[in-house]
Amino acid sequence: MNKIIKFGGLIAVSGLATYLYLRKKNIDRLTESLEISIIDVNKFKLNINRLKADLYFKIHNPTLESLNVAAGGIVIKTLRVYDKKSKKQLALTDLNITNFKLDAKGSFYLPAVQISIPLITGAMLVLTQLNDNKADFMDRLYFEIDISVMNISKTITI
């Protein structure tokens, strides 16, 4: 009788481990295919030493599988903003978004993310843009978002 209980427990533990492994592998594959894009930039504010703006991002799921996370298995942790030319980090924002629903072929809109860039750096970016006759200020920047899947972090560059 004792052997049967041990054997049954071993089967249950191995079944749970297999399920978790396959679930993690599926989530990893899905997060690698996510498309993150900037929808809008507005509410530019000048402070004494900072240039602030609100960014709106969209996460699009191009796959046929849905990703519904309510238990915190996936956490969208941080957003970093860099200047493309100098590779200098301009801003860092903690997001810590844990609950979101991303249907197959669907999109999830992140809440407004406020970035704050040092005023001197922001002014230099704007002046360089005017000198180079570039059409879009955001072309000078690139973004990195850290996503944690079951305590394994990944960085997605936009």
N, C-alpha and C. Protein backbone atom coordinates (compact mmCIF):
# COMPACT_ATOMS: atom_id res chain seq x y z
N MET A 1 0.82 -1.19 0.00
CA MET A 1 0.00 0.00 0.00
C MET A 1 0.87 1.26 0.00
N ASN A 2 1.93 1.24 0.79
CA ASN A 2 2.82 2.39 0.88
C ASN A 2 3.52 2.64 -0.45
N LYS A 3 3.87 1.57 -1.16
CA LYS A 3 4.52 1.71 -2.47
C LYS A 3 3.57 2.33 -3.49
N ILE A 4 2.30 1.99 -3.40
CA ILE A 4 1.31 2.53 -4.33
C ILE A 4 1.16 4.04 -4.12
N ILE A 5 1.15 4.48 -2.86
CA ILE A 5 1.02 5.91 -2.57
C ILE A 5 2.25 6.66 -3.07
N LYS A 6 3.44 6.11 -2.84
CA LYS A 6 4.67 6.75 -3.32
C LYS A 6 4.69 6.81 -4.84
N PHE A 7 4.28 5.72 -5.48
CA PHE A 7 4.26 5.68 -6.94
C PHE A 7 3.26 6.69 -7.50
N GLY A 8 2.08 6.77 -6.87
CA GLY A 8 1.06 7.73 -7.30
C GLY A 8 1.54 9.17 -7.10
N GLY A 9 2.20 9.43 -5.99
CA GLY A 9 2.76 10.76 -5.74
C GLY A 9 3.83 11.12 -6.75
N LEU A 10 4.67 10.14 -7.09
CA LEU A 10 5.71 10.37 -8.09
C LEU A 10 5.11 10.69 -9.46
N ILE A 11 4.06 9.98 -9.82
CA ILE A 11 3.38 10.25 -11.09
C ILE A 11 2.75 11.65 -11.08
N ALA A 12 2.13 12.03 -9.96
CA ALA A 12 1.51 13.36 -9.87
C ALA A 12 2.56 14.47 -9.98
N VAL A 13 3.68 14.31 -9.28
CA VAL A 13 4.74 15.32 -9.32
C VAL A 13 5.34 15.42 -10.72
N SER A 14 5.59 14.28 -11.36
CA SER A 14 6.17 14.32 -12.70
C SER A 14 5.18 14.89 -13.71
N GLY A 15 3.91 14.61 -13.54
CA GLY A 15 2.89 15.18 -14.43
C GLY A 15 2.81 16.69 -14.29
N LEU A 16 2.86 17.18 -13.05
CA LEU A 16 2.84 18.62 -12.80
C LEU A 16 4.08 19.29 -13.37
N ALA A 17 5.23 18.67 -13.18
CA ALA A 17 6.48 19.23 -13.71
C ALA A 17 6.45 19.29 -15.23
N THR A 18 5.93 18.25 -15.87
CA THR A 18 5.82 18.23 -17.33
C THR A 18 4.87 19.32 -17.81
N TYR A 19 3.74 19.48 -17.12
CA TYR A 19 2.78 20.53 -17.49
C TYR A 19 3.42 21.91 -17.38
N LEU A 20 4.10 22.18 -16.27
CA LEU A 20 4.74 23.48 -16.08
C LEU A 20 5.83 23.73 -17.11
N TYR A 21 6.59 22.70 -17.45
CA TYR A 21 7.65 22.85 -18.45
C TYR A 21 7.05 23.18 -19.82
N LEU A 22 6.01 22.45 -20.22
CA LEU A 22 5.38 22.71 -21.51
C LEU A 22 4.70 24.08 -21.54
N ARG A 23 4.09 24.48 -20.43
CA ARG A 23 3.44 25.79 -20.35
C ARG A 23 4.48 26.90 -20.48
N LYS A 24 5.61 26.77 -19.78
CA LYS A 24 6.67 27.76 -19.86
C LYS A 24 7.24 27.84 -21.27
N LYS A 25 7.44 26.69 -21.90
CA LYS A 25 7.96 26.67 -23.27
C LYS A 25 7.00 27.36 -24.23
N ASN A 26 5.70 27.14 -24.05
CA ASN A 26 4.68 27.77 -24.88
C ASN A 26 4.68 29.29 -24.67
N ILE A 27 4.78 29.73 -23.42
CA ILE A 27 4.81 31.17 -23.12
C ILE A 27 6.07 31.80 -23.68
N ASP A 28 7.22 31.11 -23.58
CA ASP A 28 8.47 31.63 -24.15
C ASP A 28 8.33 31.85 -25.65
N ARG A 29 7.78 30.87 -26.34
CA ARG A 29 7.61 30.98 -27.79
C ARG A 29 6.67 32.13 -28.13
N LEU A 30 5.63 32.28 -27.34
CA LEU A 30 4.66 33.34 -27.59
C LEU A 30 5.25 34.72 -27.33
N THR A 31 6.02 34.88 -26.24
CA THR A 31 6.60 36.19 -25.93
C THR A 31 7.65 36.59 -26.95
N GLU A 32 8.32 35.63 -27.55
CA GLU A 32 9.31 35.96 -28.58
C GLU A 32 8.66 36.50 -29.85
N SER A 33 7.39 36.16 -30.06
CA SER A 33 6.72 36.62 -31.28
C SER A 33 5.89 37.89 -31.05
N LEU A 34 5.82 38.39 -29.82
CA LEU A 34 5.04 39.60 -29.56
C LEU A 34 5.63 40.80 -30.29
N GLU A 35 4.76 41.67 -30.78
CA GLU A 35 5.18 42.89 -31.45
C GLU A 35 4.77 44.08 -30.58
N ILE A 36 5.75 44.89 -30.21
CA ILE A 36 5.49 46.05 -29.36
C ILE A 36 5.76 47.30 -30.18
N SER A 37 4.79 48.21 -30.19
CA SER A 37 4.97 49.43 -30.97
C SER A 37 4.45 50.64 -30.19
N ILE A 38 4.94 51.80 -30.57
CA ILE A 38 4.50 53.06 -29.95
C ILE A 38 3.32 53.58 -30.76
N ILE A 39 2.24 53.87 -30.07
CA ILE A 39 1.04 54.38 -30.74
C ILE A 39 1.05 55.90 -30.77
N ASP A 40 1.36 56.50 -29.62
CA ASP A 40 1.22 57.95 -29.52
C ASP A 40 2.19 58.50 -28.48
N VAL A 41 2.57 59.73 -28.68
CA VAL A 41 3.37 60.49 -27.72
C VAL A 41 2.67 61.82 -27.54
N ASN A 42 2.33 62.14 -26.30
CA ASN A 42 1.69 63.43 -26.08
C ASN A 42 1.99 63.94 -24.68
N LYS A 43 1.40 65.05 -24.34
CA LYS A 43 1.58 65.72 -23.05
C LYS A 43 3.05 66.03 -22.77
N PHE A 44 3.68 66.69 -23.73
CA PHE A 44 5.06 67.14 -23.50
C PHE A 44 5.03 68.23 -22.43
N LYS A 45 5.88 68.08 -21.44
CA LYS A 45 5.95 69.07 -20.35
C LYS A 45 7.41 69.42 -20.12
N LEU A 46 7.66 70.70 -19.95
CA LEU A 46 9.00 71.16 -19.61
C LEU A 46 9.04 71.51 -18.14
N ASN A 47 9.97 70.92 -17.45
CA ASN A 47 10.20 71.21 -16.05
C ASN A 47 11.50 71.99 -15.97
N ILE A 48 11.96 72.32 -14.79
CA ILE A 48 13.19 73.09 -14.66
C ILE A 48 14.37 72.36 -15.29
N ASN A 49 14.46 71.07 -15.06
CA ASN A 49 15.61 70.33 -15.59
C ASN A 49 15.22 69.05 -16.34
N ARG A 50 13.93 68.85 -16.63
CA ARG A 50 13.49 67.62 -17.29
C ARG A 50 12.50 67.92 -18.41
N LEU A 51 12.53 67.08 -19.43
CA LEU A 51 11.52 67.08 -20.49
C LEU A 51 10.70 65.81 -20.29
N LYS A 52 9.40 65.97 -20.03
CA LYS A 52 8.55 64.82 -19.75
C LYS A 52 7.56 64.63 -20.89
N ALA A 53 7.24 63.36 -21.15
CA ALA A 53 6.25 63.04 -22.18
C ALA A 53 5.55 61.75 -21.79
N ASP A 54 4.31 61.60 -22.24
CA ASP A 54 3.56 60.37 -22.03
C ASP A 54 3.62 59.54 -23.30
N LEU A 55 4.02 58.28 -23.17
CA LEU A 55 4.08 57.36 -24.29
C LEU A 55 2.98 56.33 -24.16
N TYR A 56 2.41 55.96 -25.29
CA TYR A 56 1.37 54.93 -25.32
C TYR A 56 1.87 53.79 -26.21
N PHE A 57 1.92 52.59 -25.64
CA PHE A 57 2.42 51.41 -26.34
C PHE A 57 1.30 50.42 -26.60
N LYS A 58 1.49 49.64 -27.65
CA LYS A 58 0.56 48.55 -27.97
C LYS A 58 1.38 47.27 -28.09
N ILE A 59 0.90 46.21 -27.45
CA ILE A 59 1.51 44.89 -27.61
C ILE A 59 0.56 44.08 -28.48
N HIS A 60 1.05 43.59 -29.59
CA HIS A 60 0.23 42.83 -30.53
C HIS A 60 0.67 41.37 -30.54
N ASN A 61 -0.30 40.47 -30.53
CA ASN A 61 -0.04 39.04 -30.57
C ASN A 61 -0.36 38.53 -31.98
N PRO A 62 0.64 38.26 -32.82
CA PRO A 62 0.38 37.82 -34.19
C PRO A 62 0.06 36.33 -34.30
N THR A 63 0.15 35.59 -33.20
CA THR A 63 -0.06 34.14 -33.25
C THR A 63 -1.54 33.81 -33.12
N LEU A 64 -1.85 32.54 -33.26
CA LEU A 64 -3.22 32.06 -33.12
C LEU A 64 -3.51 31.56 -31.71
N GLU A 65 -2.61 31.82 -30.77
CA GLU A 65 -2.80 31.40 -29.39
C GLU A 65 -3.03 32.61 -28.51
N SER A 66 -3.94 32.47 -27.56
CA SER A 66 -4.19 33.59 -26.65
C SER A 66 -3.26 33.50 -25.45
N LEU A 67 -3.02 34.65 -24.86
CA LEU A 67 -2.15 34.76 -23.70
C LEU A 67 -2.91 35.55 -22.65
N ASN A 68 -3.50 34.84 -21.70
CA ASN A 68 -4.26 35.49 -20.64
C ASN A 68 -3.52 35.28 -19.33
N VAL A 69 -3.03 36.35 -18.77
CA VAL A 69 -2.21 36.25 -17.57
C VAL A 69 -2.86 37.05 -16.46
N ALA A 70 -3.27 36.34 -15.42
CA ALA A 70 -3.84 37.02 -14.27
C ALA A 70 -3.10 36.66 -12.99
N ALA A 71 -2.26 35.66 -13.03
CA ALA A 71 -1.61 35.18 -11.81
C ALA A 71 -0.19 35.71 -11.66
N GLY A 72 0.27 36.55 -12.56
CA GLY A 72 1.61 37.10 -12.44
C GLY A 72 2.69 36.23 -13.05
N GLY A 73 2.33 35.27 -13.89
CA GLY A 73 3.33 34.43 -14.56
C GLY A 73 4.19 35.23 -15.52
N ILE A 74 3.60 36.28 -16.08
CA ILE A 74 4.35 37.19 -16.95
C ILE A 74 4.23 38.59 -16.35
N VAL A 75 5.36 39.25 -16.20
CA VAL A 75 5.38 40.60 -15.65
C VAL A 75 6.11 41.51 -16.63
N ILE A 76 5.46 42.59 -17.05
CA ILE A 76 6.13 43.61 -17.85
C ILE A 76 6.77 44.55 -16.84
N LYS A 77 8.10 44.46 -16.72
CA LYS A 77 8.79 45.10 -15.60
C LYS A 77 9.19 46.55 -15.85
N THR A 78 10.13 46.78 -16.74
CA THR A 78 10.69 48.12 -16.89
C THR A 78 10.74 48.55 -18.35
N LEU A 79 10.80 49.85 -18.54
CA LEU A 79 10.96 50.45 -19.86
C LEU A 79 12.18 51.36 -19.78
N ARG A 80 13.10 51.18 -20.72
CA ARG A 80 14.27 52.05 -20.81
C ARG A 80 14.25 52.76 -22.16
N VAL A 81 14.63 54.03 -22.16
CA VAL A 81 14.67 54.84 -23.37
C VAL A 81 16.12 55.23 -23.64
N TYR A 82 16.57 55.02 -24.89
CA TYR A 82 17.94 55.31 -25.29
C TYR A 82 17.96 56.24 -26.49
N ASP A 83 19.04 57.00 -26.61
CA ASP A 83 19.33 57.76 -27.82
C ASP A 83 20.03 56.82 -28.79
N LYS A 84 19.53 56.72 -30.02
CA LYS A 84 20.11 55.79 -31.00
C LYS A 84 21.56 56.14 -31.33
N LYS A 85 21.84 57.42 -31.45
CA LYS A 85 23.16 57.83 -31.90
C LYS A 85 24.23 57.60 -30.84
N SER A 86 23.98 58.04 -29.63
CA SER A 86 25.00 57.94 -28.58
C SER A 86 24.86 56.68 -27.73
N LYS A 87 23.75 55.95 -27.88
CA LYS A 87 23.45 54.76 -27.08
C LYS A 87 23.32 55.09 -25.59
N LYS A 88 23.08 56.34 -25.27
CA LYS A 88 22.97 56.79 -23.89
C LYS A 88 21.55 56.55 -23.38
N GLN A 89 21.45 55.99 -22.15
CA GLN A 89 20.14 55.79 -21.55
C GLN A 89 19.60 57.13 -21.09
N LEU A 90 18.38 57.45 -21.55
CA LEU A 90 17.77 58.73 -21.23
C LEU A 90 16.74 58.63 -20.12
N ALA A 91 16.05 57.51 -20.04
CA ALA A 91 14.99 57.38 -19.05
C ALA A 91 14.80 55.92 -18.66
N LEU A 92 14.30 55.72 -17.45
CA LEU A 92 13.99 54.40 -16.93
C LEU A 92 12.68 54.51 -16.18
N THR A 93 11.71 53.65 -16.52
CA THR A 93 10.41 53.68 -15.88
C THR A 93 10.05 52.27 -15.44
N ASP A 94 9.62 52.13 -14.18
CA ASP A 94 9.14 50.84 -13.69
C ASP A 94 7.67 50.71 -14.05
N LEU A 95 7.30 49.58 -14.69
CA LEU A 95 5.92 49.36 -15.11
C LEU A 95 5.20 48.39 -14.18
N ASN A 96 5.79 47.22 -13.95
CA ASN A 96 5.23 46.17 -13.10
C ASN A 96 3.76 45.87 -13.43
N ILE A 97 3.49 45.57 -14.69
CA ILE A 97 2.14 45.19 -15.13
C ILE A 97 2.06 43.68 -15.09
N THR A 98 1.12 43.15 -14.29
CA THR A 98 1.03 41.70 -14.11
C THR A 98 -0.24 41.10 -14.69
N ASN A 99 -1.29 41.86 -14.80
CA ASN A 99 -2.56 41.32 -15.28
C ASN A 99 -2.90 41.91 -16.64
N PHE A 100 -2.92 41.05 -17.65
CA PHE A 100 -3.35 41.51 -18.96
C PHE A 100 -3.88 40.34 -19.76
N LYS A 101 -4.68 40.65 -20.74
CA LYS A 101 -5.30 39.64 -21.60
C LYS A 101 -4.91 39.95 -23.03
N LEU A 102 -4.33 38.98 -23.70
CA LEU A 102 -3.87 39.16 -25.07
C LEU A 102 -4.41 38.01 -25.90
N ASP A 103 -5.52 38.27 -26.59
CA ASP A 103 -6.16 37.23 -27.40
C ASP A 103 -5.35 36.93 -28.65
N ALA A 104 -5.68 35.82 -29.30
CA ALA A 104 -5.05 35.46 -30.56
C ALA A 104 -5.33 36.57 -31.57
N LYS A 105 -4.28 37.02 -32.25
CA LYS A 105 -4.35 38.11 -33.23
C LYS A 105 -4.89 39.40 -32.61
N GLY A 106 -4.79 39.52 -31.28
CA GLY A 106 -5.31 40.69 -30.59
C GLY A 106 -4.21 41.61 -30.10
N SER A 107 -4.62 42.69 -29.46
CA SER A 107 -3.69 43.69 -28.96
C SER A 107 -4.02 44.06 -27.52
N PHE A 108 -3.00 44.47 -26.80
CA PHE A 108 -3.15 44.98 -25.44
C PHE A 108 -2.51 46.36 -25.41
N TYR A 109 -3.25 47.34 -24.94
CA TYR A 109 -2.74 48.71 -24.88
C TYR A 109 -2.25 48.99 -23.47
N LEU A 110 -0.99 49.32 -23.36
CA LEU A 110 -0.42 49.64 -22.05
C LEU A 110 -0.95 51.00 -21.60
N PRO A 111 -1.08 51.19 -20.30
CA PRO A 111 -1.45 52.53 -19.83
C PRO A 111 -0.34 53.52 -20.16
N ALA A 112 -0.65 54.78 -20.07
CA ALA A 112 0.34 55.82 -20.40
C ALA A 112 1.58 55.64 -19.54
N VAL A 113 2.72 55.69 -20.21
CA VAL A 113 4.01 55.56 -19.53
C VAL A 113 4.70 56.91 -19.62
N GLN A 114 4.97 57.50 -18.47
CA GLN A 114 5.63 58.81 -18.48
C GLN A 114 7.14 58.63 -18.44
N ILE A 115 7.80 59.22 -19.43
CA ILE A 115 9.26 59.20 -19.43
C ILE A 115 9.74 60.60 -19.10
N SER A 116 10.90 60.65 -18.51
CA SER A 116 11.49 61.92 -18.11
C SER A 116 12.93 61.94 -18.59
N ILE A 117 13.23 62.86 -19.50
CA ILE A 117 14.56 62.97 -20.10
C ILE A 117 15.22 64.24 -19.58
N PRO A 118 16.50 64.19 -19.25
CA PRO A 118 17.18 65.43 -18.84
C PRO A 118 16.99 66.51 -19.90
N LEU A 119 16.71 67.72 -19.46
CA LEU A 119 16.36 68.81 -20.36
C LEU A 119 17.47 69.12 -21.36
N ILE A 120 18.70 69.10 -20.92
CA ILE A 120 19.82 69.40 -21.83
C ILE A 120 19.89 68.36 -22.93
N THR A 121 19.76 67.09 -22.57
CA THR A 121 19.80 66.01 -23.57
C THR A 121 18.61 66.13 -24.52
N GLY A 122 17.41 66.39 -23.96
CA GLY A 122 16.23 66.55 -24.80
C GLY A 122 16.36 67.72 -25.75
N ALA A 123 16.92 68.83 -25.27
CA ALA A 123 17.12 70.00 -26.14
C ALA A 123 18.11 69.69 -27.24
N MET A 124 19.18 68.96 -26.91
CA MET A 124 20.16 68.59 -27.94
C MET A 124 19.53 67.68 -28.98
N LEU A 125 18.65 66.76 -28.56
CA LEU A 125 17.97 65.89 -29.52
C LEU A 125 17.08 66.70 -30.45
N VAL A 126 16.34 67.65 -29.88
CA VAL A 126 15.44 68.48 -30.70
C VAL A 126 16.25 69.33 -31.67
N LEU A 127 17.33 69.96 -31.21
CA LEU A 127 18.16 70.78 -32.09
C LEU A 127 18.81 69.95 -33.20
N THR A 128 19.28 68.77 -32.85
CA THR A 128 19.86 67.89 -33.86
C THR A 128 18.82 67.49 -34.89
N GLN A 129 17.60 67.25 -34.41
CA GLN A 129 16.52 66.89 -35.33
C GLN A 129 16.23 68.04 -36.28
N LEU A 130 16.20 69.26 -35.76
CA LEU A 130 15.95 70.42 -36.62
C LEU A 130 17.07 70.60 -37.63
N ASN A 131 18.30 70.38 -37.20
CA ASN A 131 19.44 70.51 -38.11
C ASN A 131 19.44 69.43 -39.18
N ASP A 132 19.04 68.23 -38.81
CA ASP A 132 19.04 67.11 -39.76
C ASP A 132 17.76 67.04 -40.59
N ASN A 133 16.81 67.94 -40.31
CA ASN A 133 15.51 67.96 -41.00
C ASN A 133 14.79 66.62 -40.89
N LYS A 134 14.87 66.01 -39.75
CA LYS A 134 14.17 64.74 -39.55
C LYS A 134 12.70 65.02 -39.28
N ALA A 135 11.87 64.10 -39.72
CA ALA A 135 10.43 64.30 -39.59
C ALA A 135 9.91 63.95 -38.21
N ASP A 136 10.54 63.03 -37.51
CA ASP A 136 9.96 62.53 -36.28
C ASP A 136 11.00 62.49 -35.17
N PHE A 137 10.69 63.15 -34.07
CA PHE A 137 11.57 63.16 -32.90
C PHE A 137 11.79 61.75 -32.36
N MET A 138 10.76 60.91 -32.41
CA MET A 138 10.85 59.56 -31.85
C MET A 138 11.79 58.67 -32.65
N ASP A 139 12.13 59.04 -33.88
CA ASP A 139 13.09 58.26 -34.66
C ASP A 139 14.47 58.29 -34.04
N ARG A 140 14.74 59.27 -33.21
CA ARG A 140 16.04 59.40 -32.55
C ARG A 140 16.18 58.48 -31.35
N LEU A 141 15.09 57.87 -30.91
CA LEU A 141 15.09 57.08 -29.69
C LEU A 141 14.82 55.61 -29.99
N TYR A 142 15.30 54.75 -29.12
CA TYR A 142 14.85 53.37 -29.14
C TYR A 142 14.55 52.94 -27.72
N PHE A 143 13.76 51.89 -27.59
CA PHE A 143 13.22 51.50 -26.29
C PHE A 143 13.51 50.04 -26.02
N GLU A 144 13.68 49.72 -24.76
CA GLU A 144 13.81 48.33 -24.32
C GLU A 144 12.78 48.09 -23.23
N ILE A 145 12.07 46.98 -23.34
CA ILE A 145 11.10 46.59 -22.32
C ILE A 145 11.54 45.25 -21.76
N ASP A 146 11.62 45.16 -20.44
CA ASP A 146 11.96 43.91 -19.76
C ASP A 146 10.68 43.17 -19.43
N ILE A 147 10.63 41.90 -19.85
CA ILE A 147 9.50 41.04 -19.55
C ILE A 147 10.03 39.84 -18.79
N SER A 148 9.37 39.49 -17.70
CA SER A 148 9.76 38.34 -16.90
C SER A 148 8.71 37.25 -17.08
N VAL A 149 9.13 36.08 -17.52
CA VAL A 149 8.25 34.93 -17.70
C VAL A 149 8.69 33.88 -16.70
N MET A 150 7.84 33.65 -15.69
CA MET A 150 8.14 32.68 -14.64
C MET A 150 9.55 32.90 -14.08
N ASN A 151 9.85 34.13 -13.72
CA ASN A 151 11.11 34.55 -13.11
C ASN A 151 12.32 34.45 -14.04
N ILE A 152 12.11 34.35 -15.34
CA ILE A 152 13.19 34.40 -16.31
C ILE A 152 12.99 35.66 -17.13
N SER A 153 13.95 36.58 -17.06
CA SER A 153 13.80 37.89 -17.71
C SER A 153 14.25 37.86 -19.16
N LYS A 154 13.51 38.61 -19.98
CA LYS A 154 13.85 38.81 -21.39
C LYS A 154 13.75 40.30 -21.68
N THR A 155 14.56 40.76 -22.62
CA THR A 155 14.53 42.16 -23.02
C THR A 155 14.10 42.23 -24.48
N ILE A 156 13.07 43.04 -24.74
CA ILE A 156 12.57 43.24 -26.09
C ILE A 156 12.93 44.67 -26.50
N THR A 157 13.60 44.81 -27.65
CA THR A 157 14.00 46.12 -28.15
C THR A 157 13.01 46.59 -29.20
N ILE A 158 12.61 47.85 -29.08
CA ILE A 158 11.67 48.44 -30.04
C ILE A 158 12.44 49.46 -30.86
